[in-house]
C-alpha atoms as a PDB file:
ATOM      1  CA  UNK A   1       0.000   0.000   0.000  1.00  0.00           C
ATOM      2  CA  UNK A   2       2.821   2.418   0.925  1.00  0.00           C
ATOM      3  CA  UNK A   3       4.669   1.568  -2.304  1.00  0.00           C
ATOM      4  CA  UNK A   4       1.536   2.337  -4.326  1.00  0.00           C
ATOM      5  CA  UNK A   5       1.174   5.725  -2.607  1.00  0.00           C
ATOM      6  CA  UNK A   6       4.852   6.509  -3.254  1.00  0.00           C
ATOM      7  CA  UNK A   7       4.568   5.577  -6.922  1.00  0.00           C
ATOM      8  CA  UNK A   8       1.391   7.665  -7.206  1.00  0.00           C
ATOM      9  CA  UNK A   9       3.155  10.696  -5.706  1.00  0.00           C
ATOM     10  CA  UNK A  10       6.133  10.232  -8.052  1.00  0.00           C
ATOM     11  CA  UNK A  11       3.826  10.084 -11.061  1.00  0.00           C
ATOM     12  CA  UNK A  12       1.977  13.204  -9.901  1.00  0.00           C
ATOM     13  CA  UNK A  13       5.276  15.043  -9.433  1.00  0.00           C
ATOM     14  CA  UNK A  14       6.433  13.968 -12.894  1.00  0.00           C
ATOM     15  CA  UNK A  15       3.196  15.278 -14.388  1.00  0.00           C
ATOM     16  CA  UNK A  16       4.043  18.661 -12.918  1.00  0.00           C
ATOM     17  CA  UNK A  17       6.297  19.167 -15.946  1.00  0.00           C
ATOM     18  CA  UNK A  18       3.254  20.390 -17.843  1.00  0.00           C
ATOM     19  CA  UNK A  19       1.822  22.508 -15.042  1.00  0.00           C
ATOM     20  CA  UNK A  20       1.784  26.206 -15.810  1.00  0.00           C
ATOM     21  CA  UNK A  21       3.190  28.564 -13.213  1.00  0.00           C
ATOM     22  CA  UNK A  22       1.384  31.768 -12.428  1.00  0.00           C
ATOM     23  CA  UNK A  23       3.613  34.778 -12.669  1.00  0.00           C
ATOM     24  CA  UNK A  24       3.208  37.632 -10.224  1.00  0.00           C
ATOM     25  CA  UNK A  25       4.510  40.845 -11.772  1.00  0.00           C
ATOM     26  CA  UNK A  26       4.300  44.340 -10.357  1.00  0.00           C
ATOM     27  CA  UNK A  27       1.519  46.580 -11.609  1.00  0.00           C
ATOM     28  CA  UNK A  28      -2.248  46.286 -11.881  1.00  0.00           C
ATOM     29  CA  UNK A  29      -2.199  45.375 -15.594  1.00  0.00           C
ATOM     30  CA  UNK A  30      -0.291  42.165 -14.849  1.00  0.00           C
ATOM     31  CA  UNK A  31      -2.550  40.855 -12.090  1.00  0.00           C
ATOM     32  CA  UNK A  32      -3.451  37.728 -14.078  1.00  0.00           C
ATOM     33  CA  UNK A  33       0.092  37.491 -15.453  1.00  0.00           C
ATOM     34  CA  UNK A  34       1.477  35.262 -18.177  1.00  0.00           C
ATOM     35  CA  UNK A  35       2.234  31.620 -17.480  1.00  0.00           C
ATOM     36  CA  UNK A  36       5.058  29.281 -18.441  1.00  0.00           C
ATOM     37  CA  UNK A  37       5.677  25.529 -18.087  1.00  0.00           C
ATOM     38  CA  UNK A  38       7.552  24.388 -15.003  1.00  0.00           C
ATOM     39  CA  UNK A  39       8.237  20.936 -13.655  1.00  0.00           C
ATOM     40  CA  UNK A  40      10.350  18.635 -11.536  1.00  0.00           C
ATOM     41  CA  UNK A  41      10.478  15.113 -10.151  1.00  0.00           C
ATOM     42  CA  UNK A  42      10.071  14.481  -6.431  1.00  0.00           C
ATOM     43  CA  UNK A  43      12.043  11.715  -4.690  1.00  0.00           C
ATOM     44  CA  UNK A  44      10.361  10.156  -1.655  1.00  0.00           C
ATOM     45  CA  UNK A  45      11.106   7.852   1.284  1.00  0.00           C
ATOM     46  CA  UNK A  46       9.079   4.625   1.449  1.00  0.00           C
ATOM     47  CA  UNK A  47       6.693   6.363   3.889  1.00  0.00           C
ATOM     48  CA  UNK A  48       5.969   9.087   1.295  1.00  0.00           C
ATOM     49  CA  UNK A  49       8.104  11.848   2.855  1.00  0.00           C
ATOM     50  CA  UNK A  50       9.776  13.994   0.164  1.00  0.00           C
ATOM     51  CA  UNK A  51      13.587  14.041   0.405  1.00  0.00           C
ATOM     52  CA  UNK A  52      14.760  15.562  -2.885  1.00  0.00           C
ATOM     53  CA  UNK A  53      13.572  17.531  -5.904  1.00  0.00           C
ATOM     54  CA  UNK A  54      15.414  16.767  -9.124  1.00  0.00           C
ATOM     55  CA  UNK A  55      15.229  17.732 -12.804  1.00  0.00           C
ATOM     56  CA  UNK A  56      13.676  21.128 -12.011  1.00  0.00           C
ATOM     57  CA  UNK A  57      13.099  22.928 -15.327  1.00  0.00           C
ATOM     58  CA  UNK A  58      11.008  25.737 -16.750  1.00  0.00           C
ATOM     59  CA  UNK A  59      10.530  27.338 -20.128  1.00  0.00           C
ATOM     60  CA  UNK A  60       9.903  30.821 -21.502  1.00  0.00           C
ATOM     61  CA  UNK A  61       9.771  32.626 -18.149  1.00  0.00           C
ATOM     62  CA  UNK A  62       9.328  36.354 -18.820  1.00  0.00           C
ATOM     63  CA  UNK A  63      12.163  38.719 -17.869  1.00  0.00           C
ATOM     64  CA  UNK A  64      12.634  42.452 -18.300  1.00  0.00           C
ATOM     65  CA  UNK A  65      16.090  43.596 -19.414  1.00  0.00           C
ATOM     66  CA  UNK A  66      17.803  46.896 -20.180  1.00  0.00           C
ATOM     67  CA  UNK A  67      17.228  46.203 -23.896  1.00  0.00           C
ATOM     68  CA  UNK A  68      13.565  45.208 -23.415  1.00  0.00           C
ATOM     69  CA  UNK A  69      11.453  42.173 -22.591  1.00  0.00           C
ATOM     70  CA  UNK A  70      12.534  38.605 -23.377  1.00  0.00           C
ATOM     71  CA  UNK A  71      12.149  35.141 -21.857  1.00  0.00           C
ATOM     72  CA  UNK A  72      14.415  32.530 -20.311  1.00  0.00           C
ATOM     73  CA  UNK A  73      14.288  28.737 -20.336  1.00  0.00           C
ATOM     74  CA  UNK A  74      16.594  26.443 -18.398  1.00  0.00           C
ATOM     75  CA  UNK A  75      19.111  25.007 -20.893  1.00  0.00           C
ATOM     76  CA  UNK A  76      19.202  21.798 -18.805  1.00  0.00           C
ATOM     77  CA  UNK A  77      17.594  20.725 -15.518  1.00  0.00           C
ATOM     78  CA  UNK A  78      18.819  22.511 -12.407  1.00  0.00           C
ATOM     79  CA  UNK A  79      20.863  20.459  -9.911  1.00  0.00           C
ATOM     80  CA  UNK A  80      18.925  18.437  -7.323  1.00  0.00           C
ATOM     81  CA  UNK A  81      17.716  20.220  -4.190  1.00  0.00           C
ATOM     82  CA  UNK A  82      17.293  18.546  -0.793  1.00  0.00           C
ATOM     83  CA  UNK A  83      13.914  18.765   0.906  1.00  0.00           C
ATOM     84  CA  UNK A  84      13.926  19.511   4.640  1.00  0.00           C
ATOM     85  CA  UNK A  85      10.714  20.059   6.601  1.00  0.00           C
ATOM     86  CA  UNK A  86       8.820  19.945   3.257  1.00  0.00           C
ATOM     87  CA  UNK A  87      10.868  22.929   1.917  1.00  0.00           C
ATOM     88  CA  UNK A  88      13.586  23.196  -0.729  1.00  0.00           C
ATOM     89  CA  UNK A  89      15.582  26.004  -2.311  1.00  0.00           C
ATOM     90  CA  UNK A  90      18.606  26.706  -4.423  1.00  0.00           C
ATOM     91  CA  UNK A  91      20.479  29.440  -6.267  1.00  0.00           C
ATOM     92  CA  UNK A  92      22.112  28.470  -9.539  1.00  0.00           C
ATOM     93  CA  UNK A  93      24.197  30.432 -12.031  1.00  0.00           C
ATOM     94  CA  UNK A  94      24.840  29.612 -15.681  1.00  0.00           C
ATOM     95  CA  UNK A  95      26.693  31.926 -18.089  1.00  0.00           C
ATOM     96  CA  UNK A  96      25.798  35.076 -16.142  1.00  0.00           C
ATOM     97  CA  UNK A  97      22.160  34.115 -15.539  1.00  0.00           C
ATOM     98  CA  UNK A  98      21.226  33.605 -11.890  1.00  0.00           C
ATOM     99  CA  UNK A  99      18.147  31.534 -10.981  1.00  0.00           C
ATOM    100  CA  UNK A 100      16.731  31.407  -7.430  1.00  0.00           C
ATOM    101  CA  UNK A 101      14.154  28.678  -6.686  1.00  0.00           C
ATOM    102  CA  UNK A 102      12.154  28.079  -3.511  1.00  0.00           C
ATOM    103  CA  UNK A 103       9.443  25.523  -2.930  1.00  0.00           C
ATOM    104  CA  UNK A 104       7.317  23.997  -0.221  1.00  0.00           C
ATOM    105  CA  UNK A 105       5.223  20.849  -0.190  1.00  0.00           C
ATOM    106  CA  UNK A 106       1.795  21.425   1.333  1.00  0.00           C
ATOM    107  CA  UNK A 107       0.897  19.389   4.413  1.00  0.00           C
ATOM    108  CA  UNK A 108      -0.929  16.705   2.381  1.00  0.00           C
ATOM    109  CA  UNK A 109       2.074  16.461  -0.027  1.00  0.00           C
ATOM    110  CA  UNK A 110      -0.260  16.750  -3.034  1.00  0.00           C
ATOM    111  CA  UNK A 111       0.632  20.349  -3.905  1.00  0.00           C
ATOM    112  CA  UNK A 112       3.865  22.286  -4.090  1.00  0.00           C
ATOM    113  CA  UNK A 113       4.127  26.067  -4.179  1.00  0.00           C
ATOM    114  CA  UNK A 114       7.152  28.262  -4.555  1.00  0.00           C
ATOM    115  CA  UNK A 115       8.883  31.211  -6.129  1.00  0.00           C
ATOM    116  CA  UNK A 116      11.301  31.683  -8.987  1.00  0.00           C
ATOM    117  CA  UNK A 117      13.528  34.683  -9.694  1.00  0.00           C
ATOM    118  CA  UNK A 118      15.821  35.208 -12.668  1.00  0.00           C
ATOM    119  CA  UNK A 119      18.485  37.913 -12.847  1.00  0.00           C
ATOM    120  CA  UNK A 120      21.644  38.851 -14.718  1.00  0.00           C
ATOM    121  CA  UNK A 121      22.300  38.247 -18.412  1.00  0.00           C
ATOM    122  CA  UNK A 122      19.814  36.391 -20.611  1.00  0.00           C
ATOM    123  CA  UNK A 123      21.164  35.575 -24.048  1.00  0.00           C
ATOM    124  CA  UNK A 124      22.466  38.871 -25.468  1.00  0.00           C
ATOM    125  CA  UNK A 125      20.352  40.926 -23.034  1.00  0.00           C
ATOM    126  CA  UNK A 126      21.855  42.580 -19.953  1.00  0.00           C
ATOM    127  CA  UNK A 127      20.693  43.745 -16.534  1.00  0.00           C
ATOM    128  CA  UNK A 128      17.686  41.387 -16.601  1.00  0.00           C
ATOM    129  CA  UNK A 129      15.247  40.572 -13.814  1.00  0.00           C
ATOM    130  CA  UNK A 130      12.009  38.674 -13.617  1.00  0.00           C
ATOM    131  CA  UNK A 131      11.026  39.877 -10.197  1.00  0.00           C
ATOM    132  CA  UNK A 132       9.691  37.218  -7.849  1.00  0.00           C
ATOM    133  CA  UNK A 133       7.337  34.856  -9.699  1.00  0.00           C
ATOM    134  CA  UNK A 134       4.994  32.511  -7.831  1.00  0.00           C
ATOM    135  CA  UNK A 135       4.391  28.976  -9.109  1.00  0.00           C
ATOM    136  CA  UNK A 136       2.225  26.001  -8.160  1.00  0.00           C
ATOM    137  CA  UNK A 137       2.309  22.307  -9.039  1.00  0.00           C
ATOM    138  CA  UNK A 138      -0.140  19.591  -8.084  1.00  0.00           C
END
């Protein structure tokens, strides 16, 4: 029974790859905000407790740069992040682009919420920032 629950949770976490993340941008015109795909795979103990988040990726996250608006996608999955007390976080840098990820499993372990922030260089653009963007996966 426990193995079935663990497999079910792993499948649900893997399906999060197609979940759209809501983006919270400053200003009243962006209240609904654009969305972008985000996903990861959760690793669990036999009792269902999450211990690691791996293969965290997202695509076409909006960023504002000195040269104008663009988007950023992870070129490859981010390194694994340990889960402690249902929370995980990490800051990663790749070719001048800094990505900050936070996440927290809800008490029932069926939903995960978090934030994402991108800053630095994005492609040929400079002085970029996304601001803090909220995301959800279930």
